């Protein structure tokens, strides 16, 4: 009788230990990714670390400068000041963790300047996630219209660019391959929004193949309304009409697309 009466208490203690243990693990930083120690040694190491590891369109757990969990919104607001470097850690359950670290006064000026620019961009990209895209009322060069209503239930893959942007042009063949892989689907729309005039775009596209549908003369919309200032910029809207994320390369676009059923 005595032994049986103690079993419920023993079970409760075991369950409590497991719950507390899991909670403690979630609130602790995992292992830093490769390159963390040398990331601020010079600009080359910094840029390699940033471009390889920091993807704010992905889900992550946020930590403050004392290695304590904090709300992601507060984390991004602090990061946006450009006064913090962000370091990446991987928890035991493979969850991505980002930790703020005050930028050291002796950091190279080019690192400080680039970090400030990236933090500004990353923050404004973050603010768009999970929301409808402002100003989604376009007419492409062929006269076809795009609105929240006629794109509902579809993925909208967007590229923001301009003719004089060399990386924007260089990535077009690879983007064309993605379009080709999804050519038989009616639930994926590929749309490019360019800063240039429609006449300039028609002339350019007559000699440069680009299989996205193109909207022209959107400089004010892109730079002022959307506050996009890095090119190329890619964006995906999900089937519910909400922005999934923004990024700046084909490689990142494919990474972002992996969260959808889009063929990449």
C-alpha atoms as a PDB file:
ATOM      1  CA  UNK A   1       0.000   0.000   0.000  1.00  0.00           C
ATOM      2  CA  UNK A   2       2.732   2.455   0.923  1.00  0.00           C
ATOM      3  CA  UNK A   3       4.674   1.787  -2.255  1.00  0.00           C
ATOM      4  CA  UNK A   4       1.603   2.242  -4.477  1.00  0.00           C
ATOM      5  CA  UNK A   5       0.558   5.462  -2.766  1.00  0.00           C
ATOM      6  CA  UNK A   6       3.894   7.045  -3.595  1.00  0.00           C
ATOM      7  CA  UNK A   7       3.690   6.319  -7.312  1.00  0.00           C
ATOM      8  CA  UNK A   8       1.506   9.334  -8.232  1.00  0.00           C
ATOM      9  CA  UNK A   9       3.867  11.679  -6.412  1.00  0.00           C
ATOM     10  CA  UNK A  10       6.856  10.086  -8.100  1.00  0.00           C
ATOM     11  CA  UNK A  11       5.164  10.447 -11.489  1.00  0.00           C
ATOM     12  CA  UNK A  12       4.395  14.115 -10.767  1.00  0.00           C
ATOM     13  CA  UNK A  13       7.998  14.850  -9.803  1.00  0.00           C
ATOM     14  CA  UNK A  14       9.319  13.095 -12.910  1.00  0.00           C
ATOM     15  CA  UNK A  15       6.916  15.053 -15.148  1.00  0.00           C
ATOM     16  CA  UNK A  16       7.816  18.333 -13.462  1.00  0.00           C
ATOM     17  CA  UNK A  17      11.525  17.617 -13.934  1.00  0.00           C
ATOM     18  CA  UNK A  18      11.016  16.949 -17.628  1.00  0.00           C
ATOM     19  CA  UNK A  19       8.960  20.119 -18.131  1.00  0.00           C
ATOM     20  CA  UNK A  20      11.406  22.314 -16.222  1.00  0.00           C
ATOM     21  CA  UNK A  21      14.332  20.701 -18.023  1.00  0.00           C
ATOM     22  CA  UNK A  22      12.802  21.388 -21.451  1.00  0.00           C
ATOM     23  CA  UNK A  23      12.013  24.962 -20.454  1.00  0.00           C
ATOM     24  CA  UNK A  24      15.565  25.510 -19.211  1.00  0.00           C
ATOM     25  CA  UNK A  25      17.004  24.158 -22.466  1.00  0.00           C
ATOM     26  CA  UNK A  26      14.840  26.507 -24.533  1.00  0.00           C
ATOM     27  CA  UNK A  27      16.028  29.478 -22.502  1.00  0.00           C
ATOM     28  CA  UNK A  28      19.703  28.632 -22.968  1.00  0.00           C
ATOM     29  CA  UNK A  29      21.975  29.391 -25.885  1.00  0.00           C
ATOM     30  CA  UNK A  30      23.188  26.423 -27.857  1.00  0.00           C
ATOM     31  CA  UNK A  31      26.465  26.243 -29.735  1.00  0.00           C
ATOM     32  CA  UNK A  32      27.816  29.207 -31.739  1.00  0.00           C
ATOM     33  CA  UNK A  33      28.119  28.597 -35.469  1.00  0.00           C
ATOM     34  CA  UNK A  34      31.475  28.353 -37.196  1.00  0.00           C
ATOM     35  CA  UNK A  35      33.129  31.718 -37.741  1.00  0.00           C
ATOM     36  CA  UNK A  36      31.674  33.472 -34.715  1.00  0.00           C
ATOM     37  CA  UNK A  37      35.032  34.142 -33.050  1.00  0.00           C
ATOM     38  CA  UNK A  38      36.579  35.772 -36.129  1.00  0.00           C
ATOM     39  CA  UNK A  39      33.458  37.521 -37.464  1.00  0.00           C
ATOM     40  CA  UNK A  40      34.581  41.003 -36.414  1.00  0.00           C
ATOM     41  CA  UNK A  41      38.291  40.649 -37.163  1.00  0.00           C
ATOM     42  CA  UNK A  42      37.936  42.474 -40.495  1.00  0.00           C
ATOM     43  CA  UNK A  43      35.311  43.356 -43.079  1.00  0.00           C
ATOM     44  CA  UNK A  44      35.784  40.187 -45.129  1.00  0.00           C
ATOM     45  CA  UNK A  45      35.106  37.954 -42.125  1.00  0.00           C
ATOM     46  CA  UNK A  46      32.186  40.127 -41.043  1.00  0.00           C
ATOM     47  CA  UNK A  47      30.478  40.045 -44.434  1.00  0.00           C
ATOM     48  CA  UNK A  48      31.026  36.319 -44.831  1.00  0.00           C
ATOM     49  CA  UNK A  49      29.483  35.698 -41.407  1.00  0.00           C
ATOM     50  CA  UNK A  50      26.532  38.016 -41.993  1.00  0.00           C
ATOM     51  CA  UNK A  51      25.660  36.758 -45.468  1.00  0.00           C
ATOM     52  CA  UNK A  52      26.035  33.099 -44.474  1.00  0.00           C
ATOM     53  CA  UNK A  53      24.286  33.006 -41.114  1.00  0.00           C
ATOM     54  CA  UNK A  54      21.859  35.895 -40.583  1.00  0.00           C
ATOM     55  CA  UNK A  55      18.498  35.195 -42.240  1.00  0.00           C
ATOM     56  CA  UNK A  56      15.796  37.163 -40.470  1.00  0.00           C
ATOM     57  CA  UNK A  57      13.029  35.752 -42.674  1.00  0.00           C
ATOM     58  CA  UNK A  58      13.447  32.457 -40.817  1.00  0.00           C
ATOM     59  CA  UNK A  59      11.949  31.636 -37.434  1.00  0.00           C
ATOM     60  CA  UNK A  60      14.411  32.240 -34.598  1.00  0.00           C
ATOM     61  CA  UNK A  61      14.550  32.605 -30.832  1.00  0.00           C
ATOM     62  CA  UNK A  62      15.930  35.968 -29.696  1.00  0.00           C
ATOM     63  CA  UNK A  63      18.399  36.596 -26.866  1.00  0.00           C
ATOM     64  CA  UNK A  64      19.600  39.848 -25.325  1.00  0.00           C
ATOM     65  CA  UNK A  65      23.160  40.891 -24.475  1.00  0.00           C
ATOM     66  CA  UNK A  66      22.925  38.969 -21.175  1.00  0.00           C
ATOM     67  CA  UNK A  67      22.037  35.763 -23.044  1.00  0.00           C
ATOM     68  CA  UNK A  68      18.458  35.899 -21.781  1.00  0.00           C
ATOM     69  CA  UNK A  69      15.403  35.277 -24.008  1.00  0.00           C
ATOM     70  CA  UNK A  70      13.629  38.385 -25.267  1.00  0.00           C
ATOM     71  CA  UNK A  71      10.681  39.150 -27.595  1.00  0.00           C
ATOM     72  CA  UNK A  72      11.631  39.114 -31.262  1.00  0.00           C
ATOM     73  CA  UNK A  73      10.018  42.523 -31.844  1.00  0.00           C
ATOM     74  CA  UNK A  74      12.191  44.090 -29.139  1.00  0.00           C
ATOM     75  CA  UNK A  75      15.233  42.278 -30.503  1.00  0.00           C
ATOM     76  CA  UNK A  76      14.702  43.672 -34.001  1.00  0.00           C
ATOM     77  CA  UNK A  77      14.093  47.189 -32.689  1.00  0.00           C
ATOM     78  CA  UNK A  78      17.428  47.159 -30.853  1.00  0.00           C
ATOM     79  CA  UNK A  79      19.213  45.601 -33.809  1.00  0.00           C
ATOM     80  CA  UNK A  80      17.834  48.331 -36.098  1.00  0.00           C
ATOM     81  CA  UNK A  81      19.914  50.957 -34.263  1.00  0.00           C
ATOM     82  CA  UNK A  82      23.072  49.557 -35.844  1.00  0.00           C
ATOM     83  CA  UNK A  83      24.740  49.443 -32.436  1.00  0.00           C
ATOM     84  CA  UNK A  84      24.684  45.662 -32.131  1.00  0.00           C
ATOM     85  CA  UNK A  85      26.204  42.701 -33.895  1.00  0.00           C
ATOM     86  CA  UNK A  86      24.040  39.590 -34.083  1.00  0.00           C
ATOM     87  CA  UNK A  87      25.521  36.160 -33.430  1.00  0.00           C
ATOM     88  CA  UNK A  88      23.939  32.867 -34.402  1.00  0.00           C
ATOM     89  CA  UNK A  89      23.638  29.823 -32.165  1.00  0.00           C
ATOM     90  CA  UNK A  90      22.023  26.439 -32.749  1.00  0.00           C
ATOM     91  CA  UNK A  91      19.986  24.854 -29.949  1.00  0.00           C
ATOM     92  CA  UNK A  92      19.860  21.107 -29.312  1.00  0.00           C
ATOM     93  CA  UNK A  93      16.581  20.854 -31.201  1.00  0.00           C
ATOM     94  CA  UNK A  94      18.158  22.676 -34.181  1.00  0.00           C
ATOM     95  CA  UNK A  95      16.198  25.860 -33.483  1.00  0.00           C
ATOM     96  CA  UNK A  96      18.005  28.990 -34.720  1.00  0.00           C
ATOM     97  CA  UNK A  97      18.992  31.415 -31.969  1.00  0.00           C
ATOM     98  CA  UNK A  98      20.198  35.002 -32.487  1.00  0.00           C
ATOM     99  CA  UNK A  99      21.957  36.940 -29.749  1.00  0.00           C
ATOM    100  CA  UNK A 100      22.661  40.674 -29.589  1.00  0.00           C
ATOM    101  CA  UNK A 101      26.176  41.814 -28.781  1.00  0.00           C
ATOM    102  CA  UNK A 102      27.140  45.499 -28.386  1.00  0.00           C
ATOM    103  CA  UNK A 103      29.295  46.693 -31.246  1.00  0.00           C
ATOM    104  CA  UNK A 104      32.804  47.354 -29.970  1.00  0.00           C
ATOM    105  CA  UNK A 105      34.093  50.942 -30.291  1.00  0.00           C
ATOM    106  CA  UNK A 106      37.225  49.759 -32.097  1.00  0.00           C
ATOM    107  CA  UNK A 107      35.296  47.947 -34.829  1.00  0.00           C
ATOM    108  CA  UNK A 108      36.342  48.942 -38.358  1.00  0.00           C
ATOM    109  CA  UNK A 109      34.418  51.893 -39.779  1.00  0.00           C
ATOM    110  CA  UNK A 110      33.408  49.970 -42.881  1.00  0.00           C
ATOM    111  CA  UNK A 111      31.931  47.251 -40.673  1.00  0.00           C
ATOM    112  CA  UNK A 112      30.010  49.839 -38.635  1.00  0.00           C
ATOM    113  CA  UNK A 113      28.667  51.521 -41.775  1.00  0.00           C
ATOM    114  CA  UNK A 114      27.656  48.262 -43.444  1.00  0.00           C
ATOM    115  CA  UNK A 115      26.069  46.937 -40.270  1.00  0.00           C
ATOM    116  CA  UNK A 116      24.005  50.098 -39.894  1.00  0.00           C
ATOM    117  CA  UNK A 117      22.769  49.791 -43.478  1.00  0.00           C
ATOM    118  CA  UNK A 118      21.985  46.099 -43.137  1.00  0.00           C
ATOM    119  CA  UNK A 119      20.216  46.580 -39.808  1.00  0.00           C
ATOM    120  CA  UNK A 120      17.997  49.263 -41.344  1.00  0.00           C
ATOM    121  CA  UNK A 121      17.103  47.008 -44.268  1.00  0.00           C
ATOM    122  CA  UNK A 122      16.593  43.881 -42.168  1.00  0.00           C
ATOM    123  CA  UNK A 123      14.316  45.750 -39.772  1.00  0.00           C
ATOM    124  CA  UNK A 124      12.082  47.157 -42.502  1.00  0.00           C
ATOM    125  CA  UNK A 125      11.936  43.747 -44.172  1.00  0.00           C
ATOM    126  CA  UNK A 126      10.917  42.224 -40.837  1.00  0.00           C
ATOM    127  CA  UNK A 127       8.107  44.760 -40.376  1.00  0.00           C
ATOM    128  CA  UNK A 128       6.508  43.607 -43.640  1.00  0.00           C
ATOM    129  CA  UNK A 129       6.393  39.926 -42.738  1.00  0.00           C
ATOM    130  CA  UNK A 130       2.974  38.497 -41.962  1.00  0.00           C
ATOM    131  CA  UNK A 131       1.173  41.490 -43.462  1.00  0.00           C
ATOM    132  CA  UNK A 132      -0.410  42.247 -46.855  1.00  0.00           C
ATOM    133  CA  UNK A 133       1.945  44.024 -49.256  1.00  0.00           C
ATOM    134  CA  UNK A 134       1.170  47.745 -49.401  1.00  0.00           C
ATOM    135  CA  UNK A 135       0.166  49.001 -52.836  1.00  0.00           C
ATOM    136  CA  UNK A 136      -0.377  45.661 -54.552  1.00  0.00           C
ATOM    137  CA  UNK A 137      -2.219  47.104 -57.549  1.00  0.00           C
ATOM    138  CA  UNK A 138      -0.046  46.653 -60.646  1.00  0.00           C
ATOM    139  CA  UNK A 139      -0.418  46.522 -64.415  1.00  0.00           C
ATOM    140  CA  UNK A 140       2.378  44.795 -66.306  1.00  0.00           C
ATOM    141  CA  UNK A 141       3.848  45.659 -69.700  1.00  0.00           C
ATOM    142  CA  UNK A 142       1.259  43.408 -71.396  1.00  0.00           C
ATOM    143  CA  UNK A 143      -1.651  45.171 -69.722  1.00  0.00           C
ATOM    144  CA  UNK A 144      -2.409  42.404 -67.209  1.00  0.00           C
ATOM    145  CA  UNK A 145      -3.514  43.573 -63.749  1.00  0.00           C
ATOM    146  CA  UNK A 146      -2.483  42.191 -60.360  1.00  0.00           C
ATOM    147  CA  UNK A 147      -4.447  42.904 -57.199  1.00  0.00           C
ATOM    148  CA  UNK A 148      -4.938  41.302 -53.767  1.00  0.00           C
ATOM    149  CA  UNK A 149      -8.224  39.913 -55.100  1.00  0.00           C
ATOM    150  CA  UNK A 150      -6.964  38.166 -58.246  1.00  0.00           C
ATOM    151  CA  UNK A 151      -3.808  36.837 -56.558  1.00  0.00           C
ATOM    152  CA  UNK A 152      -5.659  35.386 -53.563  1.00  0.00           C
ATOM    153  CA  UNK A 153      -4.916  31.667 -53.248  1.00  0.00           C
ATOM    154  CA  UNK A 154      -1.658  32.046 -55.189  1.00  0.00           C
ATOM    155  CA  UNK A 155       1.995  32.439 -54.323  1.00  0.00           C
ATOM    156  CA  UNK A 156       3.331  35.717 -55.692  1.00  0.00           C
ATOM    157  CA  UNK A 157       7.102  35.685 -56.196  1.00  0.00           C
ATOM    158  CA  UNK A 158       8.347  39.241 -56.682  1.00  0.00           C
ATOM    159  CA  UNK A 159      11.646  40.808 -57.704  1.00  0.00           C
ATOM    160  CA  UNK A 160      12.488  44.494 -57.269  1.00  0.00           C
ATOM    161  CA  UNK A 161      15.259  45.759 -59.549  1.00  0.00           C
ATOM    162  CA  UNK A 162      16.483  48.250 -62.141  1.00  0.00           C
ATOM    163  CA  UNK A 163      18.262  47.927 -65.465  1.00  0.00           C
ATOM    164  CA  UNK A 164      21.604  49.362 -64.309  1.00  0.00           C
ATOM    165  CA  UNK A 165      21.881  46.873 -61.427  1.00  0.00           C
ATOM    166  CA  UNK A 166      24.438  44.300 -62.604  1.00  0.00           C
ATOM    167  CA  UNK A 167      23.586  41.612 -59.990  1.00  0.00           C
ATOM    168  CA  UNK A 168      19.901  42.052 -60.883  1.00  0.00           C
ATOM    169  CA  UNK A 169      20.624  41.171 -64.506  1.00  0.00           C
ATOM    170  CA  UNK A 170      23.162  38.417 -63.787  1.00  0.00           C
ATOM    171  CA  UNK A 171      20.646  36.382 -61.791  1.00  0.00           C
ATOM    172  CA  UNK A 172      17.933  36.430 -64.469  1.00  0.00           C
ATOM    173  CA  UNK A 173      18.882  33.111 -66.154  1.00  0.00           C
ATOM    174  CA  UNK A 174      18.647  31.309 -62.815  1.00  0.00           C
ATOM    175  CA  UNK A 175      15.294  32.953 -62.090  1.00  0.00           C
ATOM    176  CA  UNK A 176      14.089  31.875 -65.532  1.00  0.00           C
ATOM    177  CA  UNK A 177      14.864  28.281 -64.538  1.00  0.00           C
ATOM    178  CA  UNK A 178      12.601  28.604 -61.496  1.00  0.00           C
ATOM    179  CA  UNK A 179       9.819  30.006 -63.665  1.00  0.00           C
ATOM    180  CA  UNK A 180      10.207  27.061 -66.062  1.00  0.00           C
ATOM    181  CA  UNK A 181       9.901  24.540 -63.220  1.00  0.00           C
ATOM    182  CA  UNK A 182       6.532  26.055 -62.297  1.00  0.00           C
ATOM    183  CA  UNK A 183       5.211  26.729 -65.820  1.00  0.00           C
ATOM    184  CA  UNK A 184       2.290  24.302 -65.502  1.00  0.00           C
ATOM    185  CA  UNK A 185       1.008  25.757 -62.240  1.00  0.00           C
ATOM    186  CA  UNK A 186      -1.712  28.362 -62.022  1.00  0.00           C
ATOM    187  CA  UNK A 187      -1.116  29.051 -58.319  1.00  0.00           C
ATOM    188  CA  UNK A 188       2.320  30.683 -58.697  1.00  0.00           C
ATOM    189  CA  UNK A 189       2.817  34.177 -60.131  1.00  0.00           C
ATOM    190  CA  UNK A 190       6.259  35.590 -60.955  1.00  0.00           C
ATOM    191  CA  UNK A 191       6.234  39.361 -61.012  1.00  0.00           C
ATOM    192  CA  UNK A 192       9.103  41.827 -61.436  1.00  0.00           C
ATOM    193  CA  UNK A 193       8.711  45.417 -60.285  1.00  0.00           C
ATOM    194  CA  UNK A 194      11.268  47.725 -61.885  1.00  0.00           C
ATOM    195  CA  UNK A 195      12.310  51.310 -61.223  1.00  0.00           C
ATOM    196  CA  UNK A 196      12.788  52.079 -64.929  1.00  0.00           C
ATOM    197  CA  UNK A 197      10.284  53.497 -67.421  1.00  0.00           C
ATOM    198  CA  UNK A 198       8.163  51.138 -69.478  1.00  0.00           C
ATOM    199  CA  UNK A 199       9.888  52.210 -72.712  1.00  0.00           C
ATOM    200  CA  UNK A 200      13.341  51.528 -71.265  1.00  0.00           C
ATOM    201  CA  UNK A 201      12.186  48.140 -69.994  1.00  0.00           C
ATOM    202  CA  UNK A 202      10.712  47.089 -73.333  1.00  0.00           C
ATOM    203  CA  UNK A 203      13.984  47.940 -75.038  1.00  0.00           C
ATOM    204  CA  UNK A 204      16.024  46.117 -72.410  1.00  0.00           C
ATOM    205  CA  UNK A 205      13.815  43.020 -72.400  1.00  0.00           C
ATOM    206  CA  UNK A 206      14.018  42.790 -76.200  1.00  0.00           C
ATOM    207  CA  UNK A 207      17.670  41.766 -75.787  1.00  0.00           C
ATOM    208  CA  UNK A 208      17.643  40.229 -72.300  1.00  0.00           C
ATOM    209  CA  UNK A 209      15.312  37.322 -71.608  1.00  0.00           C
ATOM    210  CA  UNK A 210      13.461  37.550 -68.329  1.00  0.00           C
ATOM    211  CA  UNK A 211      10.395  35.357 -67.853  1.00  0.00           C
ATOM    212  CA  UNK A 212       8.816  37.242 -64.966  1.00  0.00           C
ATOM    213  CA  UNK A 213       5.887  39.519 -65.817  1.00  0.00           C
ATOM    214  CA  UNK A 214       7.274  43.046 -65.555  1.00  0.00           C
ATOM    215  CA  UNK A 215       5.812  46.228 -64.084  1.00  0.00           C
ATOM    216  CA  UNK A 216       7.627  49.478 -64.827  1.00  0.00           C
ATOM    217  CA  UNK A 217       8.007  53.027 -63.545  1.00  0.00           C
ATOM    218  CA  UNK A 218       7.830  52.081 -59.846  1.00  0.00           C
ATOM    219  CA  UNK A 219      10.806  53.931 -58.364  1.00  0.00           C
ATOM    220  CA  UNK A 220       8.748  55.994 -55.931  1.00  0.00           C
ATOM    221  CA  UNK A 221       6.690  52.989 -54.877  1.00  0.00           C
ATOM    222  CA  UNK A 222       9.710  50.775 -54.272  1.00  0.00           C
ATOM    223  CA  UNK A 223      11.973  53.267 -52.511  1.00  0.00           C
ATOM    224  CA  UNK A 224       9.394  55.416 -50.696  1.00  0.00           C
ATOM    225  CA  UNK A 225       6.373  53.212 -50.021  1.00  0.00           C
ATOM    226  CA  UNK A 226       8.185  49.904 -49.504  1.00  0.00           C
ATOM    227  CA  UNK A 227      11.473  51.495 -48.366  1.00  0.00           C
ATOM    228  CA  UNK A 228      13.502  48.996 -50.353  1.00  0.00           C
ATOM    229  CA  UNK A 229      16.993  50.330 -51.032  1.00  0.00           C
ATOM    230  CA  UNK A 230      19.007  47.204 -51.819  1.00  0.00           C
ATOM    231  CA  UNK A 231      18.813  45.503 -55.194  1.00  0.00           C
ATOM    232  CA  UNK A 232      17.912  42.950 -56.170  1.00  0.00           C
ATOM    233  CA  UNK A 233      15.296  42.313 -53.500  1.00  0.00           C
ATOM    234  CA  UNK A 234      13.048  39.262 -53.634  1.00  0.00           C
ATOM    235  CA  UNK A 235       9.740  38.792 -51.835  1.00  0.00           C
ATOM    236  CA  UNK A 236       7.186  36.010 -51.556  1.00  0.00           C
ATOM    237  CA  UNK A 237       3.510  36.519 -50.751  1.00  0.00           C
ATOM    238  CA  UNK A 238       1.757  33.392 -49.507  1.00  0.00           C
ATOM    239  CA  UNK A 239      -1.654  32.123 -50.587  1.00  0.00           C
ATOM    240  CA  UNK A 240      -3.310  34.077 -47.786  1.00  0.00           C
ATOM    241  CA  UNK A 241      -1.983  37.331 -49.229  1.00  0.00           C
ATOM    242  CA  UNK A 242       0.641  37.846 -46.503  1.00  0.00           C
ATOM    243  CA  UNK A 243       4.352  38.558 -46.978  1.00  0.00           C
ATOM    244  CA  UNK A 244       6.401  35.490 -46.044  1.00  0.00           C
ATOM    245  CA  UNK A 245       9.770  37.180 -46.208  1.00  0.00           C
ATOM    246  CA  UNK A 246      12.243  39.273 -48.185  1.00  0.00           C
ATOM    247  CA  UNK A 247      15.795  38.531 -49.267  1.00  0.00           C
ATOM    248  CA  UNK A 248      18.502  39.741 -51.645  1.00  0.00           C
ATOM    249  CA  UNK A 249      19.750  36.801 -53.717  1.00  0.00           C
ATOM    250  CA  UNK A 250      18.553  33.806 -55.716  1.00  0.00           C
ATOM    251  CA  UNK A 251      20.137  31.484 -53.161  1.00  0.00           C
ATOM    252  CA  UNK A 252      18.099  33.070 -50.378  1.00  0.00           C
ATOM    253  CA  UNK A 253      14.988  33.068 -52.563  1.00  0.00           C
ATOM    254  CA  UNK A 254      15.339  29.316 -52.991  1.00  0.00           C
ATOM    255  CA  UNK A 255      15.788  28.973 -49.233  1.00  0.00           C
ATOM    256  CA  UNK A 256      12.646  31.036 -48.635  1.00  0.00           C
ATOM    257  CA  UNK A 257      10.768  29.092 -51.338  1.00  0.00           C
ATOM    258  CA  UNK A 258      11.570  25.824 -49.539  1.00  0.00           C
ATOM    259  CA  UNK A 259       8.915  26.813 -46.995  1.00  0.00           C
ATOM    260  CA  UNK A 260       6.309  26.613 -49.784  1.00  0.00           C
ATOM    261  CA  UNK A 261       5.290  24.161 -52.499  1.00  0.00           C
ATOM    262  CA  UNK A 262       7.019  26.250 -55.173  1.00  0.00           C
ATOM    263  CA  UNK A 263       9.349  24.106 -57.306  1.00  0.00           C
ATOM    264  CA  UNK A 264      12.941  25.305 -56.967  1.00  0.00           C
END
